[in-house]
Amino acid sequence: MGYALEIKDVHKVFNRGIINEKIALNGVNLNLNPGDFVTIIGGNGAGKSTTLNAIAGVWPIDGGQIIIDGTDITGLPEHKRAAYLGRVFQDPMTGTAATMGIDENMAIAYRRGEHRTLRWGISREEKELFHEKLATLGLGLEDRMTSKVGLLSGGQRQAITLLMASLKQPKLLLLDEHTAALDPKTAAKVLEISDKIISENHLTAMMVTHNMKDAINHGNRLIMMHEGHVIYDVAGEEKQKLKVKDLLAKFEEASGGEFANDRMMLA
């Protein structure tokens, strides 16, 4: 069985040749097995979100290869990669259309990749499917399907975005600090929903987080990035035994300095 994702020696430099040149990815190598749920941590500028953007094709990479489920997507533009990927961003406003209903947002996600619009309205089968999916969230949204998404809380929006991102069974689900803008209680609920959606749909997923506890408690594998490459990769039982202090020690050993990102320390 092949890998779900292969990242081979990927490089990315921003502002090349000028004073604020930034080496963002410096030879990233990473293979994900089907069904891996990988959490990604690291200091500011370590390359966490840049790696997700490289996979999504937000801009071209400067070197290396990105292969999803055996298909080399390195040269594909962002819109052509959408068929392979589901993505949830930090900002709850990003993933949904605020002025449209919950059901309409879900219909757009459900019909992605098909040349159809909402002109024909939402079929009864679609309504039943959306009702059933929304009910699994346990937020009561299945009874508010025609509500405008803009009226919902950030946590409710992220929960809907997660559903939308997983409706078409993507080859890879990318979660980019998707709970960072939420209060702790809501964040915990959204993470619980994320776990459930990933396991029930047998998805392969990557989650960037600044919260070390969340990185330890979720997923089957954890990677730490520093200065644009992977410095630590731990899975299974060894990951389950990890404590925050172990991660801090690992970081200090790799970087030769103290961990300075307060946001991660305090989270």
Protein backbone atom coordinates (compact mmCIF):
# COMPACT_ATOMS: atom_id res chain seq x y z
CA MET A 1 0.00 0.00 0.00
CA GLY A 2 1.40 3.41 -0.96
CA TYR A 3 1.65 6.59 1.07
CA ALA A 4 -1.28 9.00 1.39
CA LEU A 5 1.17 11.90 1.18
CA GLU A 6 4.83 12.19 0.21
CA ILE A 7 6.72 15.43 0.67
CA LYS A 8 10.17 15.05 -0.87
CA ASP A 9 12.91 17.60 -0.20
CA VAL A 10 10.59 20.60 -0.50
CA HIS A 11 12.14 24.07 -0.49
CA LYS A 12 10.52 27.50 -0.41
CA VAL A 13 12.21 30.89 -0.21
CA PHE A 14 10.24 34.13 0.05
CA ASN A 15 11.66 37.45 -1.20
CA ARG A 16 14.67 35.73 -2.73
CA GLY A 17 17.71 37.96 -3.26
CA ILE A 18 16.45 40.94 -1.31
CA ILE A 19 17.14 42.11 2.23
CA ASN A 20 14.17 40.36 3.85
CA GLU A 21 14.77 37.01 2.15
CA LYS A 22 13.24 34.21 4.22
CA ILE A 23 14.00 30.52 3.86
CA ALA A 24 10.58 29.14 4.84
CA LEU A 25 11.01 25.46 3.93
CA ASN A 26 14.49 24.00 3.88
CA GLY A 27 14.28 20.45 2.58
CA VAL A 28 11.07 19.15 4.18
CA ASN A 29 10.72 15.36 3.97
CA LEU A 30 7.59 13.68 5.27
CA ASN A 31 5.59 10.56 4.42
CA LEU A 32 2.08 9.98 5.75
CA ASN A 33 0.43 6.56 5.77
CA PRO A 34 -3.28 6.33 4.95
CA GLY A 35 -5.25 7.15 8.12
CA ASP A 36 -2.37 8.99 9.82
CA PHE A 37 -3.52 11.95 11.92
CA VAL A 38 -0.39 14.06 12.39
CA THR A 39 -0.14 17.05 14.70
CA ILE A 40 2.52 19.64 13.83
CA ILE A 41 4.19 21.94 16.35
CA GLY A 42 7.14 24.32 16.29
CA GLY A 43 8.11 27.90 17.06
CA ASN A 44 7.11 30.95 15.05
CA GLY A 45 8.46 30.74 11.51
CA ALA A 46 9.25 27.02 11.84
CA GLY A 47 7.42 26.25 8.59
CA LYS A 48 4.21 24.68 9.94
CA SER A 49 1.59 26.66 8.02
CA THR A 50 4.00 27.08 5.09
CA THR A 51 4.03 23.28 4.74
CA LEU A 52 0.21 23.22 4.59
CA ASN A 53 0.25 26.05 2.02
CA ALA A 54 2.82 24.13 -0.05
CA ILE A 55 0.53 21.07 -0.09
CA ALA A 56 -2.51 23.20 -0.97
CA GLY A 57 -0.63 24.95 -3.79
CA VAL A 58 -1.09 28.49 -2.50
CA TRP A 59 2.14 29.33 -4.39
CA PRO A 60 4.66 27.20 -6.32
CA ILE A 61 7.51 25.57 -4.38
CA ASP A 62 11.15 26.21 -5.36
CA GLY A 63 12.24 22.58 -5.30
CA GLY A 64 11.09 19.10 -4.38
CA GLN A 65 7.96 17.05 -4.95
CA ILE A 66 4.52 16.69 -3.40
CA ILE A 67 2.67 13.45 -4.09
CA ILE A 68 -0.86 12.70 -2.87
CA ASP A 69 -2.04 9.10 -3.01
CA GLY A 70 0.46 8.29 -5.77
CA THR A 71 -0.36 11.36 -7.91
CA ASP A 72 2.38 13.98 -8.30
CA ILE A 73 0.56 17.29 -7.72
CA THR A 74 3.71 19.48 -7.59
CA GLY A 75 2.82 21.32 -10.79
CA LEU A 76 -0.94 21.57 -10.23
CA PRO A 77 -2.49 24.98 -9.49
CA GLU A 78 -4.42 25.48 -6.25
CA HIS A 79 -7.91 25.04 -7.74
CA LYS A 80 -6.93 21.72 -9.33
CA ARG A 81 -5.70 20.39 -5.96
CA ALA A 82 -9.02 21.16 -4.28
CA ALA A 83 -10.38 17.76 -5.35
CA TYR A 84 -7.75 16.05 -3.16
CA LEU A 85 -7.95 18.28 -0.11
CA GLY A 86 -10.21 19.51 2.65
CA ARG A 87 -8.99 22.52 4.61
CA VAL A 88 -10.03 24.39 7.74
CA PHE A 89 -8.35 27.70 8.59
CA GLN A 90 -7.75 29.59 11.82
CA ASP A 91 -10.39 32.22 11.06
CA PRO A 92 -13.92 30.78 11.40
CA MET A 93 -15.07 33.29 8.74
CA THR A 94 -12.83 31.80 6.02
CA GLY A 95 -14.50 28.48 5.32
CA THR A 96 -18.12 29.50 4.90
CA ALA A 97 -20.29 32.02 3.04
CA ALA A 98 -21.84 34.19 5.78
CA THR A 99 -24.89 35.39 3.85
CA MET A 100 -25.97 31.88 2.83
CA GLY A 101 -27.79 29.26 4.86
CA ILE A 102 -26.12 26.27 6.53
CA ASP A 103 -27.79 23.97 3.98
CA GLU A 104 -26.62 26.11 1.03
CA ASN A 105 -23.03 26.15 2.32
CA MET A 106 -23.11 22.37 2.65
CA ALA A 107 -24.58 21.99 -0.84
CA ILE A 108 -21.70 24.00 -2.33
CA ALA A 109 -19.18 21.73 -0.57
CA TYR A 110 -21.10 18.60 -1.56
CA ARG A 111 -21.19 19.58 -5.23
CA ARG A 112 -17.58 20.68 -5.38
CA GLY A 113 -15.91 19.57 -8.58
CA GLU A 114 -19.24 19.21 -10.37
CA HIS A 115 -20.31 21.80 -12.92
CA ARG A 116 -23.52 22.64 -11.16
CA THR A 117 -24.81 25.65 -9.33
CA LEU A 118 -27.44 26.03 -6.63
CA ARG A 119 -29.94 27.10 -9.27
CA TRP A 120 -31.96 23.92 -8.93
CA GLY A 121 -32.22 24.23 -5.18
CA ILE A 122 -31.30 21.53 -2.72
CA SER A 123 -32.75 18.08 -3.34
CA ARG A 124 -34.58 16.11 -0.67
CA GLU A 125 -31.77 13.53 -0.61
CA GLU A 126 -29.22 16.28 -0.01
CA LYS A 127 -31.37 17.80 2.76
CA GLU A 128 -31.62 14.41 4.47
CA LEU A 129 -27.87 13.85 4.20
CA PHE A 130 -27.04 17.32 5.58
CA HIS A 131 -29.56 16.87 8.42
CA GLU A 132 -27.97 13.56 9.36
CA LYS A 133 -24.39 14.95 9.19
CA LEU A 134 -25.28 18.05 11.21
CA ALA A 135 -26.99 15.93 13.87
CA THR A 136 -23.68 14.11 14.49
CA LEU A 137 -22.15 17.41 15.72
CA GLY A 138 -24.47 17.49 18.74
CA LEU A 139 -24.94 21.26 18.42
CA GLY A 140 -28.61 21.31 17.38
CA LEU A 141 -27.73 22.82 13.99
CA GLU A 142 -29.74 20.18 12.10
CA ASP A 143 -32.87 22.05 13.25
CA ARG A 144 -31.54 25.37 11.94
CA MET A 145 -30.47 24.34 8.44
CA THR A 146 -31.82 27.49 6.75
CA SER A 147 -30.15 29.86 9.26
CA LYS A 148 -27.58 32.20 7.78
CA VAL A 149 -24.09 31.04 8.71
CA GLY A 150 -23.08 34.62 9.60
CA LEU A 151 -25.40 34.45 12.62
CA LEU A 152 -23.58 31.47 14.13
CA SER A 153 -20.79 31.47 16.71
CA GLY A 154 -17.17 30.87 15.72
CA GLY A 155 -17.27 27.34 17.12
CA GLN A 156 -20.45 26.48 15.23
CA ARG A 157 -18.91 27.83 12.02
CA GLN A 158 -15.74 25.78 12.48
CA ALA A 159 -17.84 22.66 13.13
CA ILE A 160 -19.76 23.26 9.88
CA THR A 161 -16.51 23.97 7.99
CA LEU A 162 -15.14 20.64 9.24
CA LEU A 163 -18.24 18.85 7.98
CA MET A 164 -17.99 20.64 4.63
CA ALA A 165 -14.28 19.83 4.32
CA SER A 166 -14.97 16.12 4.89
CA LEU A 167 -18.20 15.70 2.86
CA LYS A 168 -16.36 14.57 -0.27
CA GLN A 169 -13.92 12.27 1.56
CA PRO A 170 -10.73 14.21 0.72
CA LYS A 171 -7.44 12.34 0.38
CA LEU A 172 -6.03 14.73 2.97
CA LEU A 173 -7.61 17.02 5.56
CA LEU A 174 -5.53 20.10 6.50
CA LEU A 175 -6.32 21.82 9.81
CA ASP A 176 -4.37 25.07 10.17
CA GLU A 177 -4.58 26.19 13.83
CA HIS A 178 -8.33 25.75 13.39
CA THR A 179 -9.11 26.21 17.09
CA ALA A 180 -6.72 29.10 17.84
CA ALA A 181 -9.40 31.79 17.53
CA LEU A 182 -11.85 30.00 19.84
CA ASP A 183 -12.23 30.11 23.63
CA PRO A 184 -10.83 27.00 25.42
CA LYS A 185 -14.20 25.31 25.96
CA THR A 186 -15.29 25.80 22.34
CA ALA A 187 -11.84 24.79 21.09
CA ALA A 188 -12.08 21.51 23.03
CA LYS A 189 -15.51 20.82 21.48
CA VAL A 190 -14.24 21.53 17.95
CA LEU A 191 -11.24 19.24 18.53
CA GLU A 192 -13.56 16.49 19.74
CA ILE A 193 -15.64 16.93 16.56
CA SER A 194 -12.43 16.88 14.47
CA ASP A 195 -11.33 13.58 16.05
CA LYS A 196 -14.74 12.07 15.39
CA ILE A 197 -14.91 13.18 11.74
CA ILE A 198 -11.36 11.97 11.03
CA SER A 199 -11.87 8.54 12.61
CA GLU A 200 -15.38 7.91 11.23
CA ASN A 201 -14.35 8.84 7.68
CA HIS A 202 -10.92 7.13 7.97
CA LEU A 203 -9.30 10.38 6.81
CA THR A 204 -5.60 11.18 6.64
CA ALA A 205 -5.12 14.52 8.41
CA MET A 206 -2.51 17.12 9.40
CA MET A 207 -3.18 19.57 12.19
CA VAL A 208 -0.96 22.58 12.88
CA THR A 209 -1.34 23.71 16.48
CA HIS A 210 0.46 26.01 18.91
CA ASN A 211 -0.96 24.05 21.83
CA MET A 212 1.47 21.34 22.92
CA LYS A 213 -1.12 19.53 25.04
CA ASP A 214 -3.49 19.32 22.07
CA ALA A 215 -0.63 18.09 19.88
CA ILE A 216 0.05 15.29 22.37
CA ASN A 217 -3.59 14.38 23.05
CA HIS A 218 -4.79 14.24 19.45
CA GLY A 219 -3.69 12.15 16.50
CA ASN A 220 -1.42 9.09 16.27
CA ARG A 221 1.73 10.96 15.30
CA LEU A 222 3.43 14.23 16.18
CA ILE A 223 6.09 16.13 14.27
CA MET A 224 8.09 19.12 15.38
CA MET A 225 9.41 21.61 12.84
CA HIS A 226 12.27 24.05 13.26
CA GLU A 227 13.83 26.41 10.68
CA GLY A 228 11.91 24.92 7.78
CA HIS A 229 12.38 21.21 8.32
CA VAL A 230 11.20 18.31 10.46
CA ILE A 231 13.39 17.79 13.54
CA TYR A 232 11.31 15.26 15.48
CA ASP A 233 8.77 12.64 14.40
CA VAL A 234 7.10 10.42 16.96
CA ALA A 235 4.16 8.01 16.71
CA GLY A 236 2.08 5.38 18.49
CA GLU A 237 2.83 4.44 22.08
CA GLU A 238 5.89 6.67 22.30
CA LYS A 239 3.71 9.66 21.38
CA GLN A 240 1.06 8.75 23.96
CA LYS A 241 3.68 8.82 26.72
CA LEU A 242 4.91 12.31 25.80
CA LYS A 243 4.69 15.21 28.24
CA VAL A 244 4.99 18.91 27.40
CA LYS A 245 8.38 19.02 29.15
CA ASP A 246 9.67 16.31 26.77
CA LEU A 247 8.71 18.45 23.79
CA LEU A 248 10.37 21.53 25.29
CA ALA A 249 13.54 19.54 25.92
CA LYS A 250 13.46 18.23 22.34
CA PHE A 251 13.07 21.74 21.00
CA GLU A 252 15.89 23.13 23.11
CA GLU A 253 18.19 20.30 22.07
CA ALA A 254 17.47 20.93 18.38
CA SER A 255 17.63 24.71 18.43
CA GLY A 256 20.38 25.15 21.01
CA GLY A 257 18.25 27.67 22.85
CA GLU A 258 15.27 28.07 25.13
CA PHE A 259 11.80 27.83 23.76
CA ALA A 260 10.73 31.45 23.40
CA ASN A 261 7.19 31.24 22.08
CA ASP A 262 5.00 32.25 25.04
CA ARG A 263 1.85 31.49 23.12
CA MET A 264 2.81 27.80 22.99
CA MET A 265 4.12 27.69 26.54
CA LEU A 266 0.99 29.13 28.07
CA ALA A 267 -1.51 27.26 25.92
